[in-house]
N, C-alpha and C. Protein backbone atom coordinates (compact mmCIF):
# COMPACT_ATOMS: atom_id res chain seq x y z
N GLN A 1 4.84 -15.82 13.81
CA GLN A 1 5.48 -15.70 12.34
C GLN A 1 4.75 -14.26 11.72
N VAL A 2 5.61 -13.53 11.26
CA VAL A 2 5.00 -12.40 10.81
C VAL A 2 4.68 -12.54 9.40
N GLN A 3 3.22 -12.17 8.97
CA GLN A 3 2.92 -12.19 7.72
C GLN A 3 2.01 -10.91 7.06
N LEU A 4 2.36 -10.34 5.97
CA LEU A 4 1.85 -9.43 5.54
C LEU A 4 1.24 -9.89 3.92
N VAL A 5 0.22 -10.10 3.65
CA VAL A 5 -0.35 -10.77 2.35
C VAL A 5 -1.12 -9.49 1.78
N GLU A 6 -0.57 -9.13 0.59
CA GLU A 6 -1.45 -8.40 -0.40
C GLU A 6 -2.26 -8.92 -1.32
N VAL A 7 -3.55 -8.39 -1.58
CA VAL A 7 -4.22 -8.90 -2.36
C VAL A 7 -5.05 -7.84 -3.13
N GLY A 8 -5.61 -8.07 -4.52
CA GLY A 8 -6.35 -6.90 -5.17
C GLY A 8 -5.72 -6.41 -6.21
N GLY A 9 -4.55 -6.70 -6.69
CA GLY A 9 -3.79 -6.43 -7.68
C GLY A 9 -4.46 -7.06 -9.15
N GLY A 10 -3.93 -6.49 -10.21
CA GLY A 10 -4.52 -6.98 -11.39
C GLY A 10 -4.31 -5.94 -12.67
N LEU A 11 -5.02 -6.36 -13.63
CA LEU A 11 -5.23 -5.54 -14.90
C LEU A 11 -6.20 -4.78 -14.97
N VAL A 12 -5.98 -3.46 -15.30
CA VAL A 12 -7.16 -2.37 -15.37
C VAL A 12 -6.81 -1.68 -16.29
N GLN A 13 -7.98 -0.92 -16.78
CA GLN A 13 -7.81 -0.16 -18.04
C GLN A 13 -7.52 1.59 -17.48
N PRO A 14 -6.91 2.50 -18.26
CA PRO A 14 -6.51 3.56 -17.77
C PRO A 14 -8.08 4.20 -17.40
N GLY A 15 -8.11 5.01 -16.10
CA GLY A 15 -9.39 5.49 -15.52
C GLY A 15 -9.96 4.66 -14.87
N GLY A 16 -9.61 3.67 -14.64
CA GLY A 16 -10.19 2.62 -13.66
C GLY A 16 -9.98 2.67 -12.09
N SER A 17 -10.24 1.68 -11.55
CA SER A 17 -10.12 1.69 -10.16
C SER A 17 -9.75 0.30 -9.42
N LEU A 18 -8.87 0.13 -8.72
CA LEU A 18 -8.51 -1.00 -7.95
C LEU A 18 -8.64 -0.69 -6.52
N ARG A 19 -8.82 -1.78 -5.69
CA ARG A 19 -8.52 -1.54 -4.22
C ARG A 19 -7.82 -2.65 -3.57
N LEU A 20 -6.54 -2.29 -3.17
CA LEU A 20 -5.83 -3.34 -2.73
C LEU A 20 -5.66 -3.30 -1.08
N SER A 21 -5.45 -4.79 -0.46
CA SER A 21 -5.90 -4.89 0.85
C SER A 21 -4.40 -5.64 0.96
N CYS A 22 -3.95 -5.25 2.61
CA CYS A 22 -2.83 -6.19 2.93
C CYS A 22 -3.13 -6.51 4.27
N ALA A 23 -3.39 -7.89 4.53
CA ALA A 23 -3.87 -8.44 5.72
C ALA A 23 -2.62 -8.98 6.68
N THR A 24 -2.54 -8.65 7.73
CA THR A 24 -1.30 -8.71 8.47
C THR A 24 -1.50 -9.81 9.82
N SER A 25 -0.41 -10.51 10.10
CA SER A 25 -0.59 -11.24 11.45
C SER A 25 0.87 -11.29 11.99
N GLY A 26 0.92 -11.75 13.23
CA GLY A 26 2.00 -11.71 13.66
C GLY A 26 3.05 -10.82 14.34
N PHE A 27 1.86 -9.69 14.52
CA PHE A 27 2.93 -8.49 15.34
C PHE A 27 1.58 -7.51 15.57
N ILE A 28 2.00 -6.80 16.36
CA ILE A 28 0.84 -5.79 16.95
C ILE A 28 0.49 -4.67 16.03
N PHE A 29 -0.40 -4.75 14.91
CA PHE A 29 -0.62 -4.00 13.94
C PHE A 29 -0.68 -2.46 14.39
N SER A 30 -1.55 -2.19 15.39
CA SER A 30 -1.96 -0.94 15.82
C SER A 30 -0.99 -0.29 16.45
N THR A 31 0.52 -0.66 16.31
CA THR A 31 1.62 -0.17 16.92
C THR A 31 2.64 0.27 15.53
N TYR A 32 2.15 -0.09 14.59
CA TYR A 32 3.01 0.03 13.57
C TYR A 32 2.37 1.05 12.39
N VAL A 33 3.19 2.32 11.94
CA VAL A 33 2.98 2.80 10.72
C VAL A 33 2.83 2.37 9.58
N MET A 34 1.45 2.26 8.87
CA MET A 34 1.61 1.25 7.54
C MET A 34 1.73 2.16 6.45
N ARG A 35 2.48 1.72 5.60
CA ARG A 35 2.81 2.53 4.17
C ARG A 35 2.76 1.35 2.85
N TRP A 36 2.37 2.08 1.96
CA TRP A 36 2.42 1.20 0.62
C TRP A 36 3.27 1.80 -0.14
N TYR A 37 4.42 1.07 -0.75
CA TYR A 37 5.41 1.54 -1.87
C TYR A 37 5.03 0.67 -3.03
N ARG A 38 5.57 1.15 -4.22
CA ARG A 38 5.61 0.70 -5.59
C ARG A 38 6.73 0.43 -5.97
N GLN A 39 6.97 -0.46 -7.02
CA GLN A 39 8.20 -0.51 -7.79
C GLN A 39 7.96 -0.92 -9.41
N ALA A 40 8.03 -0.06 -10.12
CA ALA A 40 8.02 -0.23 -11.60
C ALA A 40 9.27 -0.93 -12.30
N PRO A 41 9.34 -1.58 -13.28
CA PRO A 41 10.53 -2.22 -13.90
C PRO A 41 11.35 -1.16 -14.25
N GLY A 42 12.81 -1.51 -13.71
CA GLY A 42 13.81 -0.59 -13.83
C GLY A 42 13.93 0.80 -13.02
N LYS A 43 12.89 0.80 -12.06
CA LYS A 43 12.89 2.06 -11.06
C LYS A 43 13.01 1.75 -9.82
N GLU A 44 13.48 2.51 -9.06
CA GLU A 44 13.55 2.45 -7.65
C GLU A 44 12.13 2.06 -6.94
N ARG A 45 12.22 1.44 -5.97
CA ARG A 45 10.93 1.55 -5.06
C ARG A 45 10.63 2.84 -4.33
N GLU A 46 9.35 3.33 -4.66
CA GLU A 46 9.31 4.56 -3.99
C GLU A 46 7.77 4.41 -2.98
N LEU A 47 8.04 5.28 -2.03
CA LEU A 47 6.54 5.39 -1.29
C LEU A 47 5.64 6.23 -1.77
N VAL A 48 4.30 5.60 -1.64
CA VAL A 48 3.09 5.97 -2.31
C VAL A 48 2.47 6.52 -1.19
N ALA A 49 2.02 5.92 -0.25
CA ALA A 49 1.04 6.27 0.90
C ALA A 49 1.48 6.09 2.13
N THR A 50 1.17 6.55 3.35
CA THR A 50 1.51 6.28 4.74
C THR A 50 0.34 6.71 5.59
N ILE A 51 0.16 5.89 6.49
CA ILE A 51 -0.99 6.18 7.27
C ILE A 51 -0.58 5.84 8.79
N ALA A 52 -0.73 6.83 9.65
CA ALA A 52 -0.35 6.60 11.14
C ALA A 52 -1.13 5.56 11.70
N THR A 53 -0.63 5.17 13.06
CA THR A 53 -1.07 4.12 13.87
C THR A 53 -2.55 4.00 13.94
N ASP A 54 -3.08 5.23 14.32
CA ASP A 54 -4.42 5.04 14.69
C ASP A 54 -5.46 5.68 13.45
N GLY A 55 -4.75 5.70 12.31
CA GLY A 55 -5.33 6.26 11.20
C GLY A 55 -5.95 7.57 10.98
N GLY A 56 -5.22 8.54 11.99
CA GLY A 56 -5.62 9.94 12.17
C GLY A 56 -4.86 10.83 11.21
N GLY A 57 -3.64 10.29 10.56
CA GLY A 57 -2.93 11.19 9.63
C GLY A 57 -2.33 10.26 8.60
N THR A 58 -2.44 10.88 7.28
CA THR A 58 -2.11 9.96 6.12
C THR A 58 -1.24 11.31 5.15
N ALA A 59 -0.23 10.54 4.56
CA ALA A 59 0.36 11.27 3.75
C ALA A 59 0.54 10.72 2.01
N TYR A 60 0.60 11.34 1.13
CA TYR A 60 0.66 10.79 -0.09
C TYR A 60 1.98 11.46 -0.99
N ALA A 61 2.27 10.53 -1.89
CA ALA A 61 3.24 10.97 -2.82
C ALA A 61 2.48 11.86 -3.70
N ALA A 62 3.10 13.15 -4.46
CA ALA A 62 2.51 14.02 -5.28
C ALA A 62 1.89 13.23 -6.35
N SER A 63 2.50 12.21 -7.15
CA SER A 63 1.70 11.61 -7.98
C SER A 63 0.67 11.03 -8.04
N VAL A 64 0.28 10.71 -6.73
CA VAL A 64 -0.82 10.06 -6.69
C VAL A 64 -1.95 10.85 -5.72
N ARG A 65 -1.63 11.91 -5.14
CA ARG A 65 -2.46 12.49 -4.55
C ARG A 65 -3.76 12.95 -4.83
N ASP A 66 -4.89 12.76 -4.33
CA ASP A 66 -6.04 13.17 -4.93
C ASP A 66 -6.83 12.02 -5.77
N ARG A 67 -5.98 11.04 -5.92
CA ARG A 67 -6.22 9.91 -6.70
C ARG A 67 -6.34 8.44 -5.78
N PHE A 68 -5.42 8.42 -4.80
CA PHE A 68 -5.34 7.25 -4.24
C PHE A 68 -5.71 7.71 -2.65
N THR A 69 -6.30 6.50 -1.97
CA THR A 69 -6.67 6.72 -0.52
C THR A 69 -6.03 5.68 0.45
N ILE A 70 -5.35 5.86 1.47
CA ILE A 70 -4.93 4.67 2.31
C ILE A 70 -5.63 4.82 3.43
N SER A 71 -6.11 3.48 4.00
CA SER A 71 -6.88 3.46 5.14
C SER A 71 -6.49 2.19 5.90
N ARG A 72 -6.98 2.13 7.11
CA ARG A 72 -6.79 0.78 7.79
C ARG A 72 -7.73 0.39 8.79
N ASP A 73 -7.73 -0.73 9.18
CA ASP A 73 -8.82 -1.39 10.19
C ASP A 73 -8.10 -2.03 11.20
N ASN A 74 -8.02 -1.29 12.42
CA ASN A 74 -6.88 -2.06 13.23
C ASN A 74 -7.63 -3.03 13.95
N ALA A 75 -9.09 -3.33 13.94
CA ALA A 75 -9.84 -4.25 14.34
C ALA A 75 -9.31 -5.61 13.42
N LYS A 76 -9.11 -5.23 12.32
CA LYS A 76 -8.83 -6.49 11.39
C LYS A 76 -7.40 -6.73 10.83
N ASN A 77 -6.62 -5.87 11.40
CA ASN A 77 -5.24 -5.86 11.15
C ASN A 77 -4.83 -5.81 9.82
N THR A 78 -5.64 -5.03 9.25
CA THR A 78 -5.59 -4.81 7.65
C THR A 78 -5.41 -3.22 7.32
N VAL A 79 -4.51 -3.12 6.19
CA VAL A 79 -4.23 -1.73 5.34
C VAL A 79 -4.87 -1.77 4.24
N TYR A 80 -5.46 -0.72 3.76
CA TYR A 80 -6.11 -0.81 2.19
C TYR A 80 -5.27 0.52 1.63
N LEU A 81 -5.45 0.46 0.18
CA LEU A 81 -5.01 1.33 -0.72
C LEU A 81 -6.06 1.42 -1.88
N GLN A 82 -7.08 2.38 -1.84
CA GLN A 82 -8.04 2.76 -2.84
C GLN A 82 -7.42 3.37 -3.92
N MET A 83 -7.33 2.97 -5.22
CA MET A 83 -6.70 3.70 -6.32
C MET A 83 -7.45 3.97 -7.23
N ASN A 84 -7.96 5.26 -7.46
CA ASN A 84 -8.79 5.58 -8.64
C ASN A 84 -8.28 6.34 -9.57
N SER A 85 -8.91 6.39 -10.75
CA SER A 85 -8.28 7.27 -12.09
C SER A 85 -6.96 6.88 -12.33
N LEU A 86 -6.84 5.37 -12.57
CA LEU A 86 -5.61 4.96 -12.71
C LEU A 86 -4.79 5.20 -13.93
N LYS A 87 -3.54 5.32 -14.17
CA LYS A 87 -2.84 5.69 -15.06
C LYS A 87 -1.73 4.67 -15.57
N PRO A 88 -1.45 4.61 -16.73
CA PRO A 88 -0.27 3.45 -17.10
C PRO A 88 1.00 3.50 -16.10
N GLU A 89 1.09 4.85 -16.04
CA GLU A 89 2.38 4.99 -14.94
C GLU A 89 2.29 4.76 -13.70
N ASP A 90 0.90 4.38 -13.33
CA ASP A 90 0.86 3.45 -12.04
C ASP A 90 1.17 2.00 -11.89
N THR A 91 1.45 1.52 -13.28
CA THR A 91 1.75 0.17 -13.35
C THR A 91 2.80 -0.02 -12.65
N ALA A 92 3.23 -1.10 -11.59
CA ALA A 92 4.09 -1.59 -10.67
C ALA A 92 3.83 -2.42 -10.03
N VAL A 93 4.66 -3.13 -9.17
CA VAL A 93 4.47 -4.15 -7.94
C VAL A 93 4.05 -3.14 -6.78
N TYR A 94 3.17 -3.35 -6.22
CA TYR A 94 2.89 -2.63 -5.04
C TYR A 94 2.91 -3.63 -3.67
N TYR A 95 3.71 -2.83 -2.75
CA TYR A 95 4.09 -3.58 -1.55
C TYR A 95 3.63 -2.88 -0.44
N CYS A 96 3.25 -3.75 0.74
CA CYS A 96 2.47 -3.42 1.87
C CYS A 96 4.04 -3.30 2.71
N ASN A 97 4.04 -2.25 3.88
CA ASN A 97 5.10 -1.95 4.64
C ASN A 97 4.75 -1.83 6.03
N ALA A 98 4.99 -2.48 7.12
CA ALA A 98 4.90 -2.09 8.47
C ALA A 98 6.02 -1.48 9.28
N TRP A 99 5.96 -0.40 9.87
CA TRP A 99 7.27 0.20 10.34
C TRP A 99 6.79 0.67 11.85
N ARG A 100 7.59 0.23 12.49
CA ARG A 100 7.80 0.70 14.02
C ARG A 100 8.61 1.93 14.47
N ILE A 101 7.91 2.89 14.57
CA ILE A 101 9.14 4.03 14.82
C ILE A 101 10.03 4.11 15.75
N TYR A 102 9.66 3.39 16.92
CA TYR A 102 10.63 3.87 18.01
C TYR A 102 11.80 2.78 18.10
N ASP A 103 11.74 1.82 17.31
CA ASP A 103 12.86 0.91 17.08
C ASP A 103 13.22 0.69 15.49
N THR A 104 12.37 1.30 14.66
CA THR A 104 12.45 1.34 13.19
C THR A 104 12.58 0.10 12.74
N ARG A 105 11.85 -0.84 13.53
CA ARG A 105 11.47 -2.44 12.70
C ARG A 105 10.61 -2.31 11.67
N VAL A 106 10.97 -2.96 10.63
CA VAL A 106 10.11 -3.05 9.31
C VAL A 106 9.73 -4.65 8.90
N TYR A 107 8.70 -4.56 8.33
CA TYR A 107 8.12 -5.80 7.72
C TYR A 107 7.72 -5.25 6.16
N TRP A 108 7.79 -6.27 5.42
CA TRP A 108 7.13 -6.09 4.01
C TRP A 108 6.54 -7.38 3.87
N GLY A 109 5.60 -6.89 2.63
CA GLY A 109 4.86 -8.14 1.92
C GLY A 109 5.41 -8.62 0.85
N GLN A 110 4.92 -9.43 0.27
CA GLN A 110 5.46 -10.09 -1.07
C GLN A 110 5.19 -9.47 -2.36
N GLY A 111 4.21 -8.19 -2.03
CA GLY A 111 3.90 -7.48 -3.37
C GLY A 111 2.81 -8.07 -4.29
N THR A 112 2.16 -7.19 -4.80
CA THR A 112 0.99 -7.45 -6.04
C THR A 112 1.23 -6.66 -7.28
N GLN A 113 0.72 -7.39 -8.12
CA GLN A 113 1.04 -6.73 -9.44
C GLN A 113 0.07 -5.76 -9.75
N VAL A 114 0.18 -4.44 -10.19
CA VAL A 114 -0.63 -3.89 -10.63
C VAL A 114 -0.59 -3.18 -12.18
N THR A 115 -1.24 -3.42 -13.08
CA THR A 115 -1.00 -3.18 -14.54
C THR A 115 -2.02 -2.37 -15.15
N VAL A 116 -1.73 -1.12 -15.61
CA VAL A 116 -2.96 -0.20 -16.03
C VAL A 116 -2.68 -0.17 -17.42
N SER A 117 -3.32 -0.76 -18.34
CA SER A 117 -3.15 -0.89 -19.83
C SER A 117 -4.53 -1.04 -20.37
N SER A 118 -4.65 -0.50 -21.77
CA SER A 118 -5.84 -0.44 -22.67
C SER A 118 -5.50 -1.65 -23.55
């Protein structure tokens, strides 16, 4: 059974930091590109960060570049999102996504709420 479980969300003040984790099981983690998406109320889901299967390449949305860092530990089947200098506009539900390029198979986590507010 495939599982992606995000933890680490919560309420944080502007300028603060949070670290999200996504623990996975049920598939060969090291063969999947991992991504973090977010969806704010009334908005479409947007891609925030991507990391290659071996962690050697990363990409970020312009809105989070230089503030967020995606990383992965293939030994622990876990992907992370370190979020610094958080802004109110970062408030959203954050979702972990696993994507196998060669057959486009995709798995999603259930999401974790991040709220940035004073």
